[in-house]
C-alpha atoms as a PDB file:
ATOM      1  CA  MET A   1     -46.540 -27.342  19.788  1.00  0.00           C
ATOM      2  CA  GLU A   2     -43.682 -29.960  19.610  1.00  0.00           C
ATOM      3  CA  VAL A   3     -42.920 -28.987  15.778  1.00  0.00           C
ATOM      4  CA  SER A   4     -42.602 -25.356  16.941  1.00  0.00           C
ATOM      5  CA  VAL A   5     -40.247 -26.283  19.741  1.00  0.00           C
ATOM      6  CA  VAL A   6     -38.024 -28.328  17.057  1.00  0.00           C
ATOM      7  CA  ARG A   7     -37.859 -25.317  14.531  1.00  0.00           C
ATOM      8  CA  ARG A   8     -36.593 -22.741  17.342  1.00  0.00           C
ATOM      9  CA  GLY A   9     -33.982 -25.160  18.107  1.00  0.00           C
ATOM     10  CA  LYS A  10     -33.030 -25.665  14.772  1.00  0.00           C
ATOM     11  CA  TRP A  11     -32.810 -21.752  14.243  1.00  0.00           C
ATOM     12  CA  ALA A  12     -30.812 -21.528  17.394  1.00  0.00           C
ATOM     13  CA  VAL A  13     -28.054 -24.171  16.069  1.00  0.00           C
ATOM     14  CA  VAL A  14     -28.101 -22.236  12.879  1.00  0.00           C
ATOM     15  CA  GLY A  15     -27.539 -18.855  14.500  1.00  0.00           C
ATOM     16  CA  GLY A  16     -24.866 -20.260  16.779  1.00  0.00           C
ATOM     17  CA  VAL A  17     -23.085 -21.719  13.707  1.00  0.00           C
ATOM     18  CA  LEU A  18     -23.244 -18.425  12.116  1.00  0.00           C
ATOM     19  CA  LEU A  19     -22.100 -16.382  15.052  1.00  0.00           C
ATOM     20  CA  LEU A  20     -19.071 -18.779  15.543  1.00  0.00           C
ATOM     21  CA  ALA A  21     -18.266 -18.368  11.763  1.00  0.00           C
ATOM     22  CA  LEU A  22     -18.136 -14.836  12.211  1.00  0.00           C
ATOM     23  CA  LEU A  23     -15.990 -15.034  15.200  1.00  0.00           C
ATOM     24  CA  VAL A  24     -13.481 -17.265  13.866  1.00  0.00           C
ATOM     25  CA  SER A  25     -13.306 -14.954  10.308  1.00  0.00           C
ATOM     26  CA  SER A  26     -12.608 -12.087  12.645  1.00  0.00           C
ATOM     27  CA  VAL A  27      -9.698 -13.718  14.599  1.00  0.00           C
ATOM     28  CA  VAL A  28      -8.293 -14.851  11.227  1.00  0.00           C
ATOM     29  CA  ALA A  29      -8.399 -11.403   9.821  1.00  0.00           C
ATOM     30  CA  PHE A  30      -6.781 -10.072  12.800  1.00  0.00           C
ATOM     31  CA  SER A  31      -3.935 -12.200  12.658  1.00  0.00           C
ATOM     32  CA  ALA A  32      -3.578 -11.359   8.983  1.00  0.00           C
ATOM     33  CA  THR A  33      -3.224  -7.719   9.364  1.00  0.00           C
ATOM     34  CA  ALA A  34       0.346  -6.299   8.768  1.00  0.00           C
ATOM     35  CA  THR A  35       2.285  -4.506  11.015  1.00  0.00           C
ATOM     36  CA  ARG A  36       1.444  -1.027  11.076  1.00  0.00           C
ATOM     37  CA  PHE A  37       3.033   2.523  12.264  1.00  0.00           C
ATOM     38  CA  ARG A  38       1.574   5.710  12.126  1.00  0.00           C
ATOM     39  CA  ALA A  39       3.212   8.237   9.704  1.00  0.00           C
ATOM     40  CA  GLY A  40       6.001  10.258  11.405  1.00  0.00           C
ATOM     41  CA  THR A  41       6.732   7.935  14.407  1.00  0.00           C
ATOM     42  CA  ASP A  42      10.144   6.187  14.907  1.00  0.00           C
ATOM     43  CA  ILE A  43      10.303   2.697  13.952  1.00  0.00           C
ATOM     44  CA  GLN A  44      12.581   0.553  16.111  1.00  0.00           C
ATOM     45  CA  PHE A  45      13.472  -3.067  15.167  1.00  0.00           C
ATOM     46  CA  ARG A  46      16.104  -5.654  16.496  1.00  0.00           C
ATOM     47  CA  VAL A  47      17.623  -9.121  15.843  1.00  0.00           C
ATOM     48  CA  GLN A  48      17.164 -11.606  18.768  1.00  0.00           C
ATOM     49  CA  ASP A  49      19.037 -14.911  18.801  1.00  0.00           C
ATOM     50  CA  SER A  50      17.541 -17.877  20.536  1.00  0.00           C
ATOM     51  CA  SER A  51      18.251 -21.375  21.123  1.00  0.00           C
ATOM     52  CA  THR A  52      15.502 -24.109  20.189  1.00  0.00           C
ATOM     53  CA  TRP A  53      15.850 -27.765  20.850  1.00  0.00           C
ATOM     54  CA  PHE A  54      15.843 -29.663  17.621  1.00  0.00           C
ATOM     55  CA  TRP A  55      15.632 -33.450  17.393  1.00  0.00           C
ATOM     56  CA  GLY A  56      18.938 -35.094  16.153  1.00  0.00           C
ATOM     57  CA  CYS A  57      20.845 -31.535  17.128  1.00  0.00           C
ATOM     58  CA  CYS A  58      21.344 -32.319  20.693  1.00  0.00           C
ATOM     59  CA  GLY A  59      24.495 -29.917  21.492  1.00  0.00           C
ATOM     60  CA  CYS A  60      26.041 -30.844  17.854  1.00  0.00           C
ATOM     61  CA  CYS A  61      26.065 -27.135  16.975  1.00  0.00           C
ATOM     62  CA  ALA A  62      26.431 -24.158  19.376  1.00  0.00           C
ATOM     63  CA  CYS A  63      24.787 -20.816  18.686  1.00  0.00           C
ATOM     64  CA  GLU A  64      27.024 -17.912  17.874  1.00  0.00           C
ATOM     65  CA  ASP A  65      26.069 -14.431  18.217  1.00  0.00           C
ATOM     66  CA  THR A  66      24.466 -13.183  14.784  1.00  0.00           C
ATOM     67  CA  LEU A  67      26.380 -10.120  13.370  1.00  0.00           C
ATOM     68  CA  VAL A  68      24.381  -7.511  11.728  1.00  0.00           C
ATOM     69  CA  LEU A  69      26.029  -5.906   8.750  1.00  0.00           C
ATOM     70  CA  GLY A  70      23.553  -3.307   7.597  1.00  0.00           C
ATOM     71  CA  TRP A  71      19.824  -2.601   6.712  1.00  0.00           C
ATOM     72  CA  ARG A  72      17.639  -0.852   4.338  1.00  0.00           C
ATOM     73  CA  VAL A  73      13.837   0.196   3.944  1.00  0.00           C
ATOM     74  CA  VAL A  74      12.369  -0.378   0.347  1.00  0.00           C
ATOM     75  CA  THR A  75       9.051   0.052  -1.183  1.00  0.00           C
ATOM     76  CA  THR A  76       7.079  -3.153  -2.571  1.00  0.00           C
ATOM     77  CA  ALA A  77       8.523  -2.391  -6.013  1.00  0.00           C
ATOM     78  CA  GLU A  78      12.051  -2.797  -4.181  1.00  0.00           C
ATOM     79  CA  GLN A  79      12.869   0.705  -4.441  1.00  0.00           C
ATOM     80  CA  VAL A  80      15.228   1.655  -1.589  1.00  0.00           C
ATOM     81  CA  MET A  81      14.114   4.515   0.574  1.00  0.00           C
ATOM     82  CA  TYR A  82      16.722   4.285   2.893  1.00  0.00           C
ATOM     83  CA  SER A  83      19.861   2.243   3.644  1.00  0.00           C
ATOM     84  CA  VAL A  84      22.323   1.696   6.352  1.00  0.00           C
ATOM     85  CA  VAL A  85      25.781  -0.209   5.913  1.00  0.00           C
ATOM     86  CA  HIS A  86      27.882  -0.646   8.818  1.00  0.00           C
ATOM     87  CA  ASP A  87      31.623   0.104   8.980  1.00  0.00           C
ATOM     88  CA  ALA A  88      31.997  -3.009  10.806  1.00  0.00           C
ATOM     89  CA  PRO A  89      29.638  -6.141  11.889  1.00  0.00           C
ATOM     90  CA  VAL A  90      27.687  -5.401  15.074  1.00  0.00           C
ATOM     91  CA  SER A  91      26.487  -7.884  17.463  1.00  0.00           C
ATOM     92  CA  ALA A  92      22.833  -8.372  17.411  1.00  0.00           C
ATOM     93  CA  SER A  93      22.653  -8.550  21.140  1.00  0.00           C
ATOM     94  CA  ALA A  94      24.307  -4.920  21.239  1.00  0.00           C
ATOM     95  CA  TRP A  95      22.153  -3.757  18.173  1.00  0.00           C
ATOM     96  CA  LEU A  96      19.066  -1.639  17.651  1.00  0.00           C
ATOM     97  CA  GLY A  97      17.665  -0.303  14.404  1.00  0.00           C
ATOM     98  CA  ARG A  98      15.795   2.974  14.258  1.00  0.00           C
ATOM     99  CA  TRP A  99      14.411   4.535  11.262  1.00  0.00           C
ATOM    100  CA  ASN A 100      12.556   7.895  11.653  1.00  0.00           C
ATOM    101  CA  GLN A 101      10.422   7.508   8.284  1.00  0.00           C
ATOM    102  CA  LEU A 102      12.601   9.640   6.278  1.00  0.00           C
ATOM    103  CA  ASP A 103      14.369   8.810   2.727  1.00  0.00           C
ATOM    104  CA  SER A 104      18.030   8.971   2.046  1.00  0.00           C
ATOM    105  CA  ALA A 105      17.533  12.568   0.990  1.00  0.00           C
ATOM    106  CA  GLY A 106      15.732  13.666   4.434  1.00  0.00           C
ATOM    107  CA  GLY A 107      12.413  13.944   3.042  1.00  0.00           C
ATOM    108  CA  ALA A 108       9.240  12.175   4.495  1.00  0.00           C
ATOM    109  CA  VAL A 109       8.486   9.067   2.782  1.00  0.00           C
ATOM    110  CA  PRO A 110       4.689   8.662   1.745  1.00  0.00           C
ATOM    111  CA  THR A 111       2.268   6.328   3.773  1.00  0.00           C
ATOM    112  CA  GLY A 112       2.076   2.870   1.922  1.00  0.00           C
ATOM    113  CA  GLN A 113       3.417  -0.508   2.359  1.00  0.00           C
ATOM    114  CA  TYR A 114       7.283  -1.338   2.819  1.00  0.00           C
ATOM    115  CA  LYS A 115       9.693  -3.751   3.389  1.00  0.00           C
ATOM    116  CA  LEU A 116      12.583  -3.945   5.968  1.00  0.00           C
ATOM    117  CA  TYR A 117      15.524  -5.909   5.028  1.00  0.00           C
ATOM    118  CA  VAL A 118      18.271  -6.602   7.572  1.00  0.00           C
ATOM    119  CA  ASP A 119      21.588  -8.097   6.539  1.00  0.00           C
ATOM    120  CA  THR A 120      23.189 -10.584   9.023  1.00  0.00           C
ATOM    121  CA  SER A 121      26.145 -12.925   9.243  1.00  0.00           C
ATOM    122  CA  ILE A 122      23.598 -15.890   8.554  1.00  0.00           C
ATOM    123  CA  GLY A 123      21.223 -14.274   5.698  1.00  0.00           C
ATOM    124  CA  THR A 124      19.014 -11.366   5.266  1.00  0.00           C
ATOM    125  CA  LEU A 125      15.850 -11.264   7.474  1.00  0.00           C
ATOM    126  CA  MET A 126      13.074  -9.257   6.002  1.00  0.00           C
ATOM    127  CA  ARG A 127       9.494  -7.828   7.508  1.00  0.00           C
ATOM    128  CA  CYS A 128       6.799  -6.293   5.816  1.00  0.00           C
ATOM    129  CA  PHE A 129       4.849  -3.190   7.244  1.00  0.00           C
ATOM    130  CA  THR A 130       2.518  -0.484   6.699  1.00  0.00           C
ATOM    131  CA  LEU A 131       2.859   3.374   7.127  1.00  0.00           C
ATOM    132  CA  TYR A 132      -0.658   5.094   7.588  1.00  0.00           C
ATOM    133  CA  ASP A 133      -2.133   8.370   8.377  1.00  0.00           C
ATOM    134  CA  PRO A 134      -5.281   7.779  10.478  1.00  0.00           C
ATOM    135  CA  CYS A 135      -6.109  11.475   9.874  1.00  0.00           C
ATOM    136  CA  ALA A 136      -5.956  11.846   6.007  1.00  0.00           C
ATOM    137  CA  CYS A 137      -8.623   9.183   5.428  1.00  0.00           C
ATOM    138  CA  SER A 138     -11.463   8.943   8.138  1.00  0.00           C
ATOM    139  CA  TRP A 139     -13.568   6.859   5.958  1.00  0.00           C
ATOM    140  CA  CYS A 140     -11.353   4.264   4.624  1.00  0.00           C
ATOM    141  CA  ASN A 141      -9.891   1.355   6.337  1.00  0.00           C
ATOM    142  CA  PRO A 142      -6.514   1.532   7.645  1.00  0.00           C
ATOM    143  CA  CYS A 143      -6.285  -1.882   8.497  1.00  0.00           C
ATOM    144  CA  SER A 144      -4.692  -3.989   5.487  1.00  0.00           C
ATOM    145  CA  THR A 145      -2.687  -6.957   4.913  1.00  0.00           C
ATOM    146  CA  CYS A 146       0.891  -6.465   3.056  1.00  0.00           C
ATOM    147  CA  ALA A 147       1.285  -7.733  -0.122  1.00  0.00           C
ATOM    148  CA  CYS A 148       4.769  -9.512   0.603  1.00  0.00           C
ATOM    149  CA  THR A 149       5.773 -12.664   2.649  1.00  0.00           C
ATOM    150  CA  ASP A 150       8.034 -12.118   5.677  1.00  0.00           C
ATOM    151  CA  VAL A 151      11.370 -13.866   6.088  1.00  0.00           C
ATOM    152  CA  ALA A 152      11.259 -12.737   9.996  1.00  0.00           C
ATOM    153  CA  SER A 153      13.488 -15.862  11.049  1.00  0.00           C
ATOM    154  CA  ILE A 154      16.222 -18.071  10.119  1.00  0.00           C
ATOM    155  CA  THR A 155      16.539 -21.384  11.658  1.00  0.00           C
ATOM    156  CA  SER A 156      19.818 -23.278  11.732  1.00  0.00           C
ATOM    157  CA  CYS A 157      20.165 -26.661  13.771  1.00  0.00           C
ATOM    158  CA  ALA A 158      18.885 -25.566  17.283  1.00  0.00           C
ATOM    159  CA  CYS A 159      19.635 -21.704  16.698  1.00  0.00           C
ATOM    160  CA  ARG A 160      16.914 -19.328  15.824  1.00  0.00           C
ATOM    161  CA  THR A 161      17.242 -15.671  14.461  1.00  0.00           C
ATOM    162  CA  ASN A 162      14.364 -13.420  14.477  1.00  0.00           C
ATOM    163  CA  LEU A 163      13.820  -9.971  13.154  1.00  0.00           C
ATOM    164  CA  VAL A 164      11.326  -8.181  15.424  1.00  0.00           C
ATOM    165  CA  PHE A 165       9.775  -4.756  15.806  1.00  0.00           C
ATOM    166  CA  VAL A 166      10.207  -2.952  19.205  1.00  0.00           C
ATOM    167  CA  ASP A 167       7.491  -1.128  21.097  1.00  0.00           C
ATOM    168  CA  SER A 168       5.104  -0.888  17.845  1.00  0.00           C
ATOM    169  CA  CYS A 169       2.029   1.118  19.383  1.00  0.00           C
ATOM    170  CA  SER A 170      -0.005  -0.118  16.693  1.00  0.00           C
ATOM    171  CA  THR A 171       0.393  -3.805  15.638  1.00  0.00           C
ATOM    172  CA  GLY A 172      -2.827  -4.484  13.954  1.00  0.00           C
ATOM    173  CA  CYS A 173      -6.597  -3.727  14.279  1.00  0.00           C
ATOM    174  CA  PHE A 174      -9.815  -5.107  16.045  1.00  0.00           C
ATOM    175  CA  THR A 175     -11.531  -6.530  13.276  1.00  0.00           C
ATOM    176  CA  PHE A 176     -15.018  -7.789  13.249  1.00  0.00           C
ATOM    177  CA  PRO A 177     -16.469  -8.744   9.704  1.00  0.00           C
ATOM    178  CA  LEU A 178     -19.723  -6.390  10.227  1.00  0.00           C
ATOM    179  CA  PHE A 179     -17.591  -3.401  11.656  1.00  0.00           C
ATOM    180  CA  TRP A 180     -13.984  -3.819   9.325  1.00  0.00           C
ATOM    181  CA  GLY A 181     -11.326  -1.698  10.827  1.00  0.00           C
ATOM    182  CA  TRP A 182     -13.226  -0.291  13.761  1.00  0.00           C
ATOM    183  CA  GLY A 183     -10.976   0.114  16.794  1.00  0.00           C
ATOM    184  CA  CYS A 184      -7.966   0.955  14.287  1.00  0.00           C
ATOM    185  CA  GLY A 185      -6.948   4.085  16.273  1.00  0.00           C
ATOM    186  CA  GLY A 186      -8.186   7.580  15.607  1.00  0.00           C
ATOM    187  CA  CYS A 187      -5.873  10.809  14.929  1.00  0.00           C
ATOM    188  CA  SER A 188      -4.347  10.571  18.451  1.00  0.00           C
ATOM    189  CA  SER A 189      -0.463  10.069  18.522  1.00  0.00           C
ATOM    190  CA  CYS A 190       0.929   6.736  20.176  1.00  0.00           C
ATOM    191  CA  PRO A 191       1.428   6.974  23.760  1.00  0.00           C
END
């Protein structure tokens, strides 16, 4: 009888470890999903300046307002889909970028993965994102990681500049290993 209790306890520990492993892998998979936008929705983005405290740099450099020079959306193969160059630099604090998912000729771009580059006075920031149509493929997984690495922030001394998406209605998916992609939104539009 004592052996039976030990075996049950052993299997309970093994089951608990497996459940914990599934939960951890789900959290890791969730954080690895790319920023996603439904096809046809406006994408808004901005450059944000902030000050951070950096050891050895106590007030030695003042953070200046970053200037936005222009921006572009390219495919993962670096083909330019849409591009904007400002006539004069625009202060990041007064700037908001907006892209309606049209190419330079005015046609809708296809779903897939893209890169957003924003040229600033301190360097070029870059974010990866995915355009998807939840109604086009009900059986496939709309949650996918982007094939590129973001350069979402530039830090110099105590100054940090970030490229962020504004009001993204779909910034990832609930992912659980056995139900990959469950909760990734249906055919409804963003609220």
